[in-house]
C-alpha atoms as a PDB file:
ATOM      1  CA  MET A   1      18.593  24.514  -9.618  1.00  0.00           C
ATOM      2  CA  ALA A   2      21.005  21.560  -9.471  1.00  0.00           C
ATOM      3  CA  LYS A   3      19.648  18.029  -9.872  1.00  0.00           C
ATOM      4  CA  PHE A   4      21.425  15.127  -8.162  1.00  0.00           C
ATOM      5  CA  LEU A   5      21.060  11.359  -8.312  1.00  0.00           C
ATOM      6  CA  ILE A   6      22.762   9.284  -5.606  1.00  0.00           C
ATOM      7  CA  ILE A   7      23.299   5.570  -6.272  1.00  0.00           C
ATOM      8  CA  GLN A   8      23.644   3.069  -3.414  1.00  0.00           C
ATOM      9  CA  THR A   9      22.050  -0.308  -4.148  1.00  0.00           C
ATOM     10  CA  ALA A  10      23.890  -2.339  -1.502  1.00  0.00           C
ATOM     11  CA  PHE A  11      22.513  -3.431   1.859  1.00  0.00           C
ATOM     12  CA  ILE A  12      20.746  -1.557   4.649  1.00  0.00           C
ATOM     13  CA  GLY A  13      23.820  -0.401   6.556  1.00  0.00           C
ATOM     14  CA  ASP A  14      25.479   0.924   3.406  1.00  0.00           C
ATOM     15  CA  VAL A  15      22.378   2.971   2.600  1.00  0.00           C
ATOM     16  CA  VAL A  16      22.314   4.477   6.106  1.00  0.00           C
ATOM     17  CA  LEU A  17      26.004   5.369   5.767  1.00  0.00           C
ATOM     18  CA  SER A  18      25.212   7.185   2.515  1.00  0.00           C
ATOM     19  CA  THR A  19      22.822   9.636   4.208  1.00  0.00           C
ATOM     20  CA  PRO A  20      25.566  12.185   5.073  1.00  0.00           C
ATOM     21  CA  VAL A  21      25.895  12.749   1.312  1.00  0.00           C
ATOM     22  CA  ILE A  22      22.206  13.705   1.205  1.00  0.00           C
ATOM     23  CA  GLU A  23      22.662  16.132   4.107  1.00  0.00           C
ATOM     24  CA  SER A  24      25.752  17.733   2.577  1.00  0.00           C
ATOM     25  CA  LEU A  25      24.109  18.291  -0.810  1.00  0.00           C
ATOM     26  CA  TYR A  26      20.979  19.688   0.816  1.00  0.00           C
ATOM     27  CA  ASN A  27      22.995  22.171   2.876  1.00  0.00           C
ATOM     28  CA  ASN A  28      25.365  23.242   0.104  1.00  0.00           C
ATOM     29  CA  PHE A  29      22.962  23.538  -2.822  1.00  0.00           C
ATOM     30  CA  PRO A  30      19.867  25.435  -1.613  1.00  0.00           C
ATOM     31  CA  GLY A  31      16.748  24.426  -3.507  1.00  0.00           C
ATOM     32  CA  CYS A  32      18.438  21.464  -5.207  1.00  0.00           C
ATOM     33  CA  GLN A  33      16.604  18.286  -6.180  1.00  0.00           C
ATOM     34  CA  ILE A  34      18.025  15.088  -4.725  1.00  0.00           C
ATOM     35  CA  ASP A  35      16.895  11.668  -5.927  1.00  0.00           C
ATOM     36  CA  PHE A  36      18.147   8.261  -4.785  1.00  0.00           C
ATOM     37  CA  LEU A  37      18.528   4.863  -6.445  1.00  0.00           C
ATOM     38  CA  LEU A  38      18.482   1.904  -4.048  1.00  0.00           C
ATOM     39  CA  ARG A  39      17.662  -1.784  -4.060  1.00  0.00           C
ATOM     40  CA  LYS A  40      14.126  -3.050  -3.512  1.00  0.00           C
ATOM     41  CA  GLY A  41      13.512  -3.707   0.180  1.00  0.00           C
ATOM     42  CA  ASN A  42      15.461  -0.733   1.495  1.00  0.00           C
ATOM     43  CA  GLU A  43      13.053   2.009   0.443  1.00  0.00           C
ATOM     44  CA  GLY A  44      11.437   2.032   3.904  1.00  0.00           C
ATOM     45  CA  LEU A  45      14.522   3.830   5.223  1.00  0.00           C
ATOM     46  CA  PHE A  46      13.486   6.916   3.268  1.00  0.00           C
ATOM     47  CA  GLU A  47       9.733   6.998   3.799  1.00  0.00           C
ATOM     48  CA  ASN A  48       8.646  10.668   3.826  1.00  0.00           C
ATOM     49  CA  HIS A  49      12.292  11.769   3.817  1.00  0.00           C
ATOM     50  CA  PRO A  50      12.308  15.605   3.848  1.00  0.00           C
ATOM     51  CA  ARG A  51      15.485  15.932   1.743  1.00  0.00           C
ATOM     52  CA  LEU A  52      14.599  13.562  -1.109  1.00  0.00           C
ATOM     53  CA  ARG A  53      12.335  14.271  -4.044  1.00  0.00           C
ATOM     54  CA  LYS A  54      12.133  10.815  -5.611  1.00  0.00           C
ATOM     55  CA  LEU A  55      13.246   7.219  -5.082  1.00  0.00           C
ATOM     56  CA  PHE A  56      14.209   4.829  -7.865  1.00  0.00           C
ATOM     57  CA  ILE A  57      13.904   1.228  -6.711  1.00  0.00           C
ATOM     58  CA  TRP A  58      15.922  -1.522  -8.381  1.00  0.00           C
ATOM     59  CA  ASN A  59      14.566  -5.054  -7.995  1.00  0.00           C
ATOM     60  CA  LYS A  60      17.802  -7.069  -8.077  1.00  0.00           C
ATOM     61  CA  LYS A  61      16.168 -10.428  -7.293  1.00  0.00           C
ATOM     62  CA  GLU A  62      13.671 -10.672 -10.131  1.00  0.00           C
ATOM     63  CA  GLY A  63      14.466  -9.548 -13.662  1.00  0.00           C
ATOM     64  CA  LYS A  64      17.613  -7.759 -12.498  1.00  0.00           C
ATOM     65  CA  ILE A  65      18.871  -6.767 -15.959  1.00  0.00           C
ATOM     66  CA  SER A  66      15.500  -5.862 -17.465  1.00  0.00           C
ATOM     67  CA  ASN A  67      14.662  -3.771 -14.392  1.00  0.00           C
ATOM     68  CA  LEU A  68      18.025  -2.025 -14.716  1.00  0.00           C
ATOM     69  CA  PHE A  69      17.293  -0.932 -18.282  1.00  0.00           C
ATOM     70  CA  SER A  70      13.760   0.173 -17.355  1.00  0.00           C
ATOM     71  CA  LEU A  71      15.230   2.396 -14.646  1.00  0.00           C
ATOM     72  CA  LEU A  72      17.795   3.771 -17.071  1.00  0.00           C
ATOM     73  CA  LYS A  73      15.026   4.972 -19.391  1.00  0.00           C
ATOM     74  CA  GLU A  74      13.382   6.849 -16.516  1.00  0.00           C
ATOM     75  CA  ILE A  75      16.625   8.298 -15.212  1.00  0.00           C
ATOM     76  CA  ARG A  76      17.874   9.519 -18.581  1.00  0.00           C
ATOM     77  CA  LYS A  77      14.697  11.613 -18.894  1.00  0.00           C
ATOM     78  CA  GLU A  78      15.639  13.477 -15.694  1.00  0.00           C
ATOM     79  CA  LYS A  79      18.813  14.972 -17.226  1.00  0.00           C
ATOM     80  CA  TYR A  80      20.738  15.076 -13.952  1.00  0.00           C
ATOM     81  CA  ASP A  81      23.506  17.598 -13.415  1.00  0.00           C
ATOM     82  CA  TYR A  82      25.359  15.179 -11.130  1.00  0.00           C
ATOM     83  CA  VAL A  83      25.165  11.407 -10.736  1.00  0.00           C
ATOM     84  CA  ILE A  84      27.062  10.181  -7.669  1.00  0.00           C
ATOM     85  CA  ASN A  85      27.811   6.457  -7.378  1.00  0.00           C
ATOM     86  CA  LEU A  86      28.732   5.259  -3.894  1.00  0.00           C
ATOM     87  CA  GLN A  87      29.279   1.665  -5.011  1.00  0.00           C
ATOM     88  CA  ARG A  88      32.354   0.069  -6.469  1.00  0.00           C
ATOM     89  CA  PHE A  89      30.856  -2.698  -8.608  1.00  0.00           C
ATOM     90  CA  PHE A  90      30.478  -3.132 -12.355  1.00  0.00           C
ATOM     91  CA  SER A  91      26.671  -2.965 -12.477  1.00  0.00           C
ATOM     92  CA  THR A  92      26.438   0.531 -10.996  1.00  0.00           C
ATOM     93  CA  GLY A  93      29.443   1.650 -13.027  1.00  0.00           C
ATOM     94  CA  PHE A  94      27.588   0.512 -16.136  1.00  0.00           C
ATOM     95  CA  PHE A  95      24.474   2.293 -14.898  1.00  0.00           C
ATOM     96  CA  ILE A  96      26.138   5.638 -14.231  1.00  0.00           C
ATOM     97  CA  SER A  97      27.956   5.542 -17.581  1.00  0.00           C
ATOM     98  CA  LEU A  98      24.581   5.377 -19.402  1.00  0.00           C
ATOM     99  CA  SER A  99      22.669   7.639 -16.991  1.00  0.00           C
ATOM    100  CA  GLY A 100      22.955  10.758 -19.110  1.00  0.00           C
ATOM    101  CA  GLY A 101      24.255  12.727 -16.136  1.00  0.00           C
ATOM    102  CA  LYS A 102      26.390  15.738 -17.022  1.00  0.00           C
ATOM    103  CA  THR A 103      28.936  15.041 -14.269  1.00  0.00           C
ATOM    104  CA  LYS A 104      29.530  11.461 -13.167  1.00  0.00           C
ATOM    105  CA  ILE A 105      31.276  10.970  -9.823  1.00  0.00           C
ATOM    106  CA  GLY A 106      32.415   7.791  -8.109  1.00  0.00           C
ATOM    107  CA  PHE A 107      35.209   5.687  -6.635  1.00  0.00           C
ATOM    108  CA  SER A 108      38.222   4.751  -8.729  1.00  0.00           C
ATOM    109  CA  LYS A 109      37.846   1.119  -7.586  1.00  0.00           C
ATOM    110  CA  ASN A 110      34.843   0.745  -9.863  1.00  0.00           C
ATOM    111  CA  PRO A 111      36.001  -1.133 -13.000  1.00  0.00           C
ATOM    112  CA  LEU A 112      34.212   1.432 -15.187  1.00  0.00           C
ATOM    113  CA  SER A 113      35.475   4.494 -13.332  1.00  0.00           C
ATOM    114  CA  PHE A 114      37.438   5.562 -16.411  1.00  0.00           C
ATOM    115  CA  LEU A 115      34.062   6.723 -17.756  1.00  0.00           C
ATOM    116  CA  TYR A 116      33.534   9.067 -14.787  1.00  0.00           C
ATOM    117  CA  ASN A 117      34.248  12.800 -14.799  1.00  0.00           C
ATOM    118  CA  GLN A 118      35.543  12.686 -11.224  1.00  0.00           C
ATOM    119  CA  ARG A 119      37.157   9.685  -9.497  1.00  0.00           C
ATOM    120  CA  PHE A 120      38.245   9.325  -5.878  1.00  0.00           C
ATOM    121  CA  PRO A 121      40.069   6.620  -3.878  1.00  0.00           C
ATOM    122  CA  HIS A 122      38.281   4.296  -1.486  1.00  0.00           C
ATOM    123  CA  VAL A 123      40.953   2.997   0.885  1.00  0.00           C
ATOM    124  CA  ILE A 124      40.334   0.402   3.585  1.00  0.00           C
ATOM    125  CA  ASP A 125      43.421  -0.573   5.565  1.00  0.00           C
ATOM    126  CA  ALA A 126      42.970  -1.647   9.176  1.00  0.00           C
ATOM    127  CA  SER A 127      46.709  -1.315   9.833  1.00  0.00           C
ATOM    128  CA  ASN A 128      46.680   2.412   9.123  1.00  0.00           C
ATOM    129  CA  GLY A 129      44.930   5.526  10.320  1.00  0.00           C
ATOM    130  CA  GLN A 130      41.462   4.913   8.978  1.00  0.00           C
ATOM    131  CA  LEU A 131      38.791   7.099   7.494  1.00  0.00           C
ATOM    132  CA  HIS A 132      35.248   6.258   8.455  1.00  0.00           C
ATOM    133  CA  GLU A 133      32.999   5.138   5.602  1.00  0.00           C
ATOM    134  CA  ILE A 134      31.002   8.360   5.883  1.00  0.00           C
ATOM    135  CA  ASP A 135      34.208  10.328   5.257  1.00  0.00           C
ATOM    136  CA  ARG A 136      35.067   8.144   2.274  1.00  0.00           C
ATOM    137  CA  ASN A 137      31.592   8.817   0.887  1.00  0.00           C
ATOM    138  CA  LEU A 138      31.791  12.559   1.522  1.00  0.00           C
ATOM    139  CA  LEU A 139      35.123  12.608  -0.305  1.00  0.00           C
ATOM    140  CA  LEU A 140      33.110  12.135  -3.498  1.00  0.00           C
ATOM    141  CA  LEU A 141      31.711  15.636  -3.037  1.00  0.00           C
ATOM    142  CA  SER A 142      35.075  17.337  -2.596  1.00  0.00           C
ATOM    143  CA  GLY A 143      35.156  18.391  -6.243  1.00  0.00           C
ATOM    144  CA  ILE A 144      31.817  20.212  -6.047  1.00  0.00           C
ATOM    145  CA  VAL A 145      31.462  21.276  -2.383  1.00  0.00           C
ATOM    146  CA  LYS A 146      33.747  23.914  -0.921  1.00  0.00           C
ATOM    147  CA  ASN A 147      34.597  23.845   2.797  1.00  0.00           C
ATOM    148  CA  GLN A 148      33.050  20.429   3.320  1.00  0.00           C
ATOM    149  CA  GLU A 149      31.638  19.891   6.810  1.00  0.00           C
ATOM    150  CA  ARG A 150      31.450  16.456   8.339  1.00  0.00           C
ATOM    151  CA  HIS A 151      27.886  15.195   8.320  1.00  0.00           C
ATOM    152  CA  PHE A 152      26.603  12.153  10.180  1.00  0.00           C
ATOM    153  CA  PRO A 153      24.109   9.433   9.262  1.00  0.00           C
ATOM    154  CA  LYS A 154      20.550  10.640   9.688  1.00  0.00           C
ATOM    155  CA  LEU A 155      17.128   9.040   9.346  1.00  0.00           C
ATOM    156  CA  TYR A 156      13.755  10.702   9.823  1.00  0.00           C
ATOM    157  CA  PRO A 157      11.185   8.613  11.727  1.00  0.00           C
ATOM    158  CA  SER A 158       7.759  10.227  11.807  1.00  0.00           C
ATOM    159  CA  LYS A 159       5.613  11.073  14.810  1.00  0.00           C
ATOM    160  CA  GLN A 160       3.645   7.915  14.032  1.00  0.00           C
ATOM    161  CA  ASP A 161       6.867   5.889  14.178  1.00  0.00           C
ATOM    162  CA  PHE A 162       7.637   7.290  17.626  1.00  0.00           C
ATOM    163  CA  ASN A 163       4.096   6.444  18.721  1.00  0.00           C
ATOM    164  CA  GLN A 164       5.163   2.771  18.512  1.00  0.00           C
ATOM    165  CA  VAL A 165       7.841   3.303  21.156  1.00  0.00           C
ATOM    166  CA  PRO A 166       7.000   1.727  24.514  1.00  0.00           C
ATOM    167  CA  SER A 167       6.984   3.605  27.779  1.00  0.00           C
ATOM    168  CA  GLY A 168       9.314   2.787  30.640  1.00  0.00           C
ATOM    169  CA  THR A 169      13.012   1.993  30.776  1.00  0.00           C
ATOM    170  CA  TYR A 170      14.270  -0.497  28.226  1.00  0.00           C
ATOM    171  CA  ILE A 171      17.173  -1.751  26.158  1.00  0.00           C
ATOM    172  CA  THR A 172      17.186  -3.186  22.656  1.00  0.00           C
ATOM    173  CA  ILE A 173      19.242  -6.102  21.350  1.00  0.00           C
ATOM    174  CA  SER A 174      19.776  -6.761  17.641  1.00  0.00           C
ATOM    175  CA  PRO A 175      21.371 -10.210  17.912  1.00  0.00           C
ATOM    176  CA  THR A 176      21.744 -11.283  14.277  1.00  0.00           C
ATOM    177  CA  SER A 177      23.845 -10.519  11.228  1.00  0.00           C
ATOM    178  CA  VAL A 178      23.920 -11.674   7.609  1.00  0.00           C
ATOM    179  CA  TRP A 179      27.415 -13.037   8.295  1.00  0.00           C
ATOM    180  CA  SER A 180      27.784 -15.597  11.077  1.00  0.00           C
ATOM    181  CA  THR A 181      31.288 -14.497  12.062  1.00  0.00           C
ATOM    182  CA  LYS A 182      29.981 -10.976  12.695  1.00  0.00           C
ATOM    183  CA  GLN A 183      27.331 -12.376  15.013  1.00  0.00           C
ATOM    184  CA  TYR A 184      27.908 -12.546  18.759  1.00  0.00           C
ATOM    185  CA  PRO A 185      26.854 -16.101  19.741  1.00  0.00           C
ATOM    186  CA  ALA A 186      23.250 -16.539  20.862  1.00  0.00           C
ATOM    187  CA  LYS A 187      24.317 -18.277  24.084  1.00  0.00           C
ATOM    188  CA  TYR A 188      26.129 -15.099  25.127  1.00  0.00           C
ATOM    189  CA  TRP A 189      23.179 -12.860  24.274  1.00  0.00           C
ATOM    190  CA  GLU A 190      21.111 -15.129  26.504  1.00  0.00           C
ATOM    191  CA  GLN A 191      23.592 -14.762  29.370  1.00  0.00           C
ATOM    192  CA  LEU A 192      23.556 -11.004  28.893  1.00  0.00           C
ATOM    193  CA  ILE A 193      19.750 -10.947  29.071  1.00  0.00           C
ATOM    194  CA  ARG A 194      19.773 -12.935  32.313  1.00  0.00           C
ATOM    195  CA  ASN A 195      22.047 -10.298  33.848  1.00  0.00           C
ATOM    196  CA  VAL A 196      20.090  -7.223  32.781  1.00  0.00           C
ATOM    197  CA  PRO A 197      18.890  -5.516  35.983  1.00  0.00           C
ATOM    198  CA  LYS A 198      15.272  -6.025  36.957  1.00  0.00           C
ATOM    199  CA  GLY A 199      13.056  -3.148  35.980  1.00  0.00           C
ATOM    200  CA  TYR A 200      14.432  -2.989  32.439  1.00  0.00           C
ATOM    201  CA  SER A 201      12.324  -4.261  29.580  1.00  0.00           C
ATOM    202  CA  ILE A 202      14.195  -5.907  26.693  1.00  0.00           C
ATOM    203  CA  TYR A 203      13.226  -5.714  23.022  1.00  0.00           C
ATOM    204  CA  LEU A 204      14.821  -7.982  20.431  1.00  0.00           C
ATOM    205  CA  LEU A 205      14.983  -6.241  17.055  1.00  0.00           C
ATOM    206  CA  GLY A 206      15.426  -7.551  13.524  1.00  0.00           C
ATOM    207  CA  GLY A 207      13.675  -8.267  10.261  1.00  0.00           C
ATOM    208  CA  ASN A 208      11.356 -11.082   9.249  1.00  0.00           C
ATOM    209  CA  ALA A 209      14.313 -13.379   8.616  1.00  0.00           C
ATOM    210  CA  ASP A 210      15.529 -12.836  12.192  1.00  0.00           C
ATOM    211  CA  PHE A 211      12.295 -13.812  13.939  1.00  0.00           C
ATOM    212  CA  GLU A 212      13.187 -17.444  14.656  1.00  0.00           C
ATOM    213  CA  ALA A 213      16.662 -16.609  15.971  1.00  0.00           C
ATOM    214  CA  CYS A 214      15.186 -13.964  18.275  1.00  0.00           C
ATOM    215  CA  GLU A 215      12.385 -16.304  19.347  1.00  0.00           C
ATOM    216  CA  SER A 216      14.915 -18.982  20.287  1.00  0.00           C
ATOM    217  CA  ILE A 217      16.814 -16.496  22.451  1.00  0.00           C
ATOM    218  CA  LEU A 218      13.561 -15.403  24.092  1.00  0.00           C
ATOM    219  CA  GLN A 219      12.476 -18.982  24.831  1.00  0.00           C
ATOM    220  CA  ASN A 220      15.860 -19.862  26.308  1.00  0.00           C
ATOM    221  CA  CYS A 221      15.482 -16.899  28.674  1.00  0.00           C
ATOM    222  CA  SER A 222      11.873 -17.641  29.601  1.00  0.00           C
ATOM    223  CA  GLU A 223      12.646 -17.110  33.293  1.00  0.00           C
ATOM    224  CA  ARG A 224      13.414 -13.458  32.549  1.00  0.00           C
ATOM    225  CA  GLU A 225      10.320 -11.256  32.432  1.00  0.00           C
ATOM    226  CA  ASN A 226       9.658  -8.467  29.951  1.00  0.00           C
ATOM    227  CA  VAL A 227      11.651  -9.867  27.019  1.00  0.00           C
ATOM    228  CA  ASN A 228       9.852  -9.089  23.761  1.00  0.00           C
ATOM    229  CA  ASN A 229      10.535 -10.372  20.256  1.00  0.00           C
ATOM    230  CA  MET A 230       9.896  -7.479  17.860  1.00  0.00           C
ATOM    231  CA  ALA A 231      11.716  -9.015  14.868  1.00  0.00           C
ATOM    232  CA  GLY A 232       9.635  -8.536  11.732  1.00  0.00           C
ATOM    233  CA  LYS A 233       7.059  -6.430  13.572  1.00  0.00           C
ATOM    234  CA  LEU A 234       8.604  -2.996  13.056  1.00  0.00           C
ATOM    235  CA  THR A 235       9.553  -0.966  10.007  1.00  0.00           C
ATOM    236  CA  PHE A 236      13.088   0.372   9.665  1.00  0.00           C
ATOM    237  CA  LEU A 237      12.012   3.777  10.928  1.00  0.00           C
ATOM    238  CA  GLN A 238      10.014   2.333  13.836  1.00  0.00           C
ATOM    239  CA  SER A 239      13.124   0.376  14.836  1.00  0.00           C
ATOM    240  CA  ALA A 240      15.115   3.618  14.634  1.00  0.00           C
ATOM    241  CA  ALA A 241      12.586   5.292  16.929  1.00  0.00           C
ATOM    242  CA  PHE A 242      12.870   2.364  19.391  1.00  0.00           C
ATOM    243  CA  MET A 243      16.639   2.798  19.460  1.00  0.00           C
ATOM    244  CA  LYS A 244      16.453   6.542  19.996  1.00  0.00           C
ATOM    245  CA  SER A 245      14.490   6.127  23.220  1.00  0.00           C
ATOM    246  CA  ALA A 246      16.423   3.137  24.622  1.00  0.00           C
ATOM    247  CA  ILE A 247      18.788   3.335  27.580  1.00  0.00           C
ATOM    248  CA  MET A 248      21.210   1.203  25.532  1.00  0.00           C
ATOM    249  CA  ASN A 249      21.191  -0.622  22.201  1.00  0.00           C
ATOM    250  CA  TYR A 250      23.283  -3.776  21.824  1.00  0.00           C
ATOM    251  CA  VAL A 251      24.287  -4.680  18.281  1.00  0.00           C
ATOM    252  CA  ASN A 252      26.781  -6.563  16.123  1.00  0.00           C
ATOM    253  CA  ASP A 253      28.898  -5.011  13.377  1.00  0.00           C
ATOM    254  CA  SER A 254      25.815  -4.785  11.176  1.00  0.00           C
ATOM    255  CA  ALA A 255      23.052  -2.471   9.961  1.00  0.00           C
ATOM    256  CA  PRO A 256      21.462  -1.824  13.413  1.00  0.00           C
ATOM    257  CA  LEU A 257      24.743  -0.201  14.484  1.00  0.00           C
ATOM    258  CA  HIS A 258      24.365   2.393  11.739  1.00  0.00           C
ATOM    259  CA  ILE A 259      20.659   2.857  12.401  1.00  0.00           C
ATOM    260  CA  ALA A 260      21.523   3.638  16.031  1.00  0.00           C
ATOM    261  CA  SER A 261      24.172   6.108  14.820  1.00  0.00           C
ATOM    262  CA  SER A 262      21.597   7.780  12.582  1.00  0.00           C
ATOM    263  CA  MET A 263      19.519   8.547  15.683  1.00  0.00           C
ATOM    264  CA  GLU A 264      22.484   9.511  17.913  1.00  0.00           C
ATOM    265  CA  ALA A 265      21.276   6.703  20.156  1.00  0.00           C
ATOM    266  CA  PRO A 266      23.474   5.044  22.794  1.00  0.00           C
ATOM    267  CA  VAL A 267      24.963   1.862  21.384  1.00  0.00           C
ATOM    268  CA  THR A 268      27.272  -0.976  22.390  1.00  0.00           C
ATOM    269  CA  ALA A 269      28.712  -2.713  19.341  1.00  0.00           C
ATOM    270  CA  VAL A 270      30.269  -6.178  19.504  1.00  0.00           C
ATOM    271  CA  PHE A 271      32.929  -6.679  16.845  1.00  0.00           C
ATOM    272  CA  CYS A 272      33.764 -10.362  16.447  1.00  0.00           C
ATOM    273  CA  SER A 273      35.630 -11.226  13.226  1.00  0.00           C
ATOM    274  CA  THR A 274      35.841  -7.632  11.972  1.00  0.00           C
ATOM    275  CA  THR A 275      37.224  -4.427  13.458  1.00  0.00           C
ATOM    276  CA  PRO A 276      36.058  -0.804  13.684  1.00  0.00           C
ATOM    277  CA  LYS A 277      39.421   0.109  12.145  1.00  0.00           C
ATOM    278  CA  PHE A 278      37.850  -0.737   8.780  1.00  0.00           C
ATOM    279  CA  GLY A 279      35.832   2.460   9.224  1.00  0.00           C
ATOM    280  CA  PHE A 280      32.372   1.082   9.961  1.00  0.00           C
ATOM    281  CA  GLY A 281      32.014   1.819  13.670  1.00  0.00           C
ATOM    282  CA  SER A 282      29.735   4.282  15.400  1.00  0.00           C
ATOM    283  CA  VAL A 283      30.455   7.978  14.854  1.00  0.00           C
ATOM    284  CA  HIS A 284      29.005   9.408  18.070  1.00  0.00           C
ATOM    285  CA  ASN A 285      30.433   9.764  21.561  1.00  0.00           C
ATOM    286  CA  ASN A 286      27.651   7.790  23.234  1.00  0.00           C
ATOM    287  CA  SER A 287      28.951   4.497  21.859  1.00  0.00           C
ATOM    288  CA  ARG A 288      31.042   1.588  23.087  1.00  0.00           C
ATOM    289  CA  VAL A 289      32.974  -1.041  21.159  1.00  0.00           C
ATOM    290  CA  VAL A 290      33.617  -4.454  22.685  1.00  0.00           C
ATOM    291  CA  GLU A 291      36.065  -6.884  21.082  1.00  0.00           C
ATOM    292  CA  ALA A 292      37.858 -10.115  21.890  1.00  0.00           C
ATOM    293  CA  ILE A 293      41.260 -10.218  23.569  1.00  0.00           C
ATOM    294  CA  PRO A 294      43.574  -7.729  21.815  1.00  0.00           C
ATOM    295  CA  GLY A 295      46.243  -9.311  19.652  1.00  0.00           C
ATOM    296  CA  LEU A 296      44.201 -12.271  18.432  1.00  0.00           C
ATOM    297  CA  SER A 297      46.350 -13.132  15.421  1.00  0.00           C
ATOM    298  CA  CYS A 298      43.516 -14.221  13.110  1.00  0.00           C
ATOM    299  CA  LYS A 299      41.386 -11.114  13.676  1.00  0.00           C
ATOM    300  CA  PRO A 300      40.249  -9.485  11.479  1.00  0.00           C
ATOM    301  CA  CYS A 301      39.883 -12.366   9.043  1.00  0.00           C
ATOM    302  CA  GLY A 302      38.107 -10.321   6.388  1.00  0.00           C
ATOM    303  CA  LEU A 303      36.211  -7.147   5.653  1.00  0.00           C
ATOM    304  CA  HIS A 304      32.705  -8.599   5.568  1.00  0.00           C
ATOM    305  CA  GLY A 305      32.894 -11.713   7.712  1.00  0.00           C
ATOM    306  CA  TYR A 306      32.170 -15.323   6.755  1.00  0.00           C
ATOM    307  CA  LYS A 307      29.413 -17.894   7.118  1.00  0.00           C
ATOM    308  CA  VAL A 308      31.728 -19.900   9.393  1.00  0.00           C
ATOM    309  CA  CYS A 309      35.050 -19.236  11.104  1.00  0.00           C
ATOM    310  CA  PRO A 310      37.849 -20.073   8.625  1.00  0.00           C
ATOM    311  CA  LEU A 311      39.856 -21.697  11.430  1.00  0.00           C
ATOM    312  CA  GLY A 312      36.907 -23.435  13.065  1.00  0.00           C
ATOM    313  CA  HIS A 313      37.304 -22.028  16.595  1.00  0.00           C
ATOM    314  CA  PHE A 314      35.607 -18.568  16.467  1.00  0.00           C
ATOM    315  CA  LYS A 315      37.683 -17.240  19.368  1.00  0.00           C
ATOM    316  CA  CYS A 316      36.873 -13.674  18.313  1.00  0.00           C
ATOM    317  CA  GLY A 317      33.295 -14.310  19.462  1.00  0.00           C
ATOM    318  CA  ASP A 318      34.358 -15.557  22.890  1.00  0.00           C
ATOM    319  CA  ILE A 319      33.632 -12.343  24.806  1.00  0.00           C
ATOM    320  CA  ASP A 320      32.347 -12.130  28.378  1.00  0.00           C
ATOM    321  CA  PRO A 321      28.637 -11.131  28.289  1.00  0.00           C
ATOM    322  CA  LEU A 322      29.119  -9.023  31.439  1.00  0.00           C
ATOM    323  CA  LEU A 323      31.763  -7.026  29.585  1.00  0.00           C
ATOM    324  CA  VAL A 324      29.303  -6.467  26.754  1.00  0.00           C
ATOM    325  CA  LEU A 325      26.492  -5.538  29.171  1.00  0.00           C
ATOM    326  CA  GLY A 326      28.590  -2.860  30.866  1.00  0.00           C
ATOM    327  CA  ASP A 327      26.992  -0.385  33.272  1.00  0.00           C
ATOM    328  CA  ILE A 328      23.441   0.569  32.432  1.00  0.00           C
END
């Protein structure tokens, strides 16, 4: 029985985009054991996950190095057949090199990839035909999986998570992002809310850190009934359940986009400073992408976005809210 460890200690969206690797291993290695190493705070994505045996949680904010070595001791005892690193940074390259795994697999961009048994390219080029990130991740399995099928992001909310979903017809809006230039301006979200047809409830989604931003949007739309601030009140999987049952989910180029994809939920994604050509868009047919005027010379300005627009004008965020709203 093969034993696998998957490593993805980046942010929420990256973890969701790693889930096709779990599905592929589960389907191609019957009876295998799959474990996952992720950063503290993201473990709620995998609560009661039916494909995973064990989670290793790395606290990167407190005692980062000491916690890393403590995890290494535990992981070396497992004697994994395969350790698969989806990240391209030194810390995880160091980790996999000392993991004791028989076969170490990862991207050649990692500075320690010369210690891997199998290395694969990770190419992002918006000017070219572009692989989606899930395809780049699945490429890591091409040396051990024959006839690879394309798998999609997948999360597993429980029945209890779906019990939190409201009745009636509603949309969700996830208005924030870690990077300001990925974030559709609040004033435009407010205009969108004012134009949502009557009879639709609106739920603002996000984490604890997003509560104030969502509350400000709600207060500025106080004339509109049935707007609810759910930021910080739902778990990741409860938010996924909300999205699954929504008529439409409105998001930025951020983690909620990938959570919606994991549920095959309808989604409208606003790409401001970035572009879906980087390979981080939705992967299902029930999705829309809305961007600024085509040909904006400064867009995209970077892969991950910035805290502020490098040119100071943020024209890529100047998108008509009615265009974003679409027909619902």
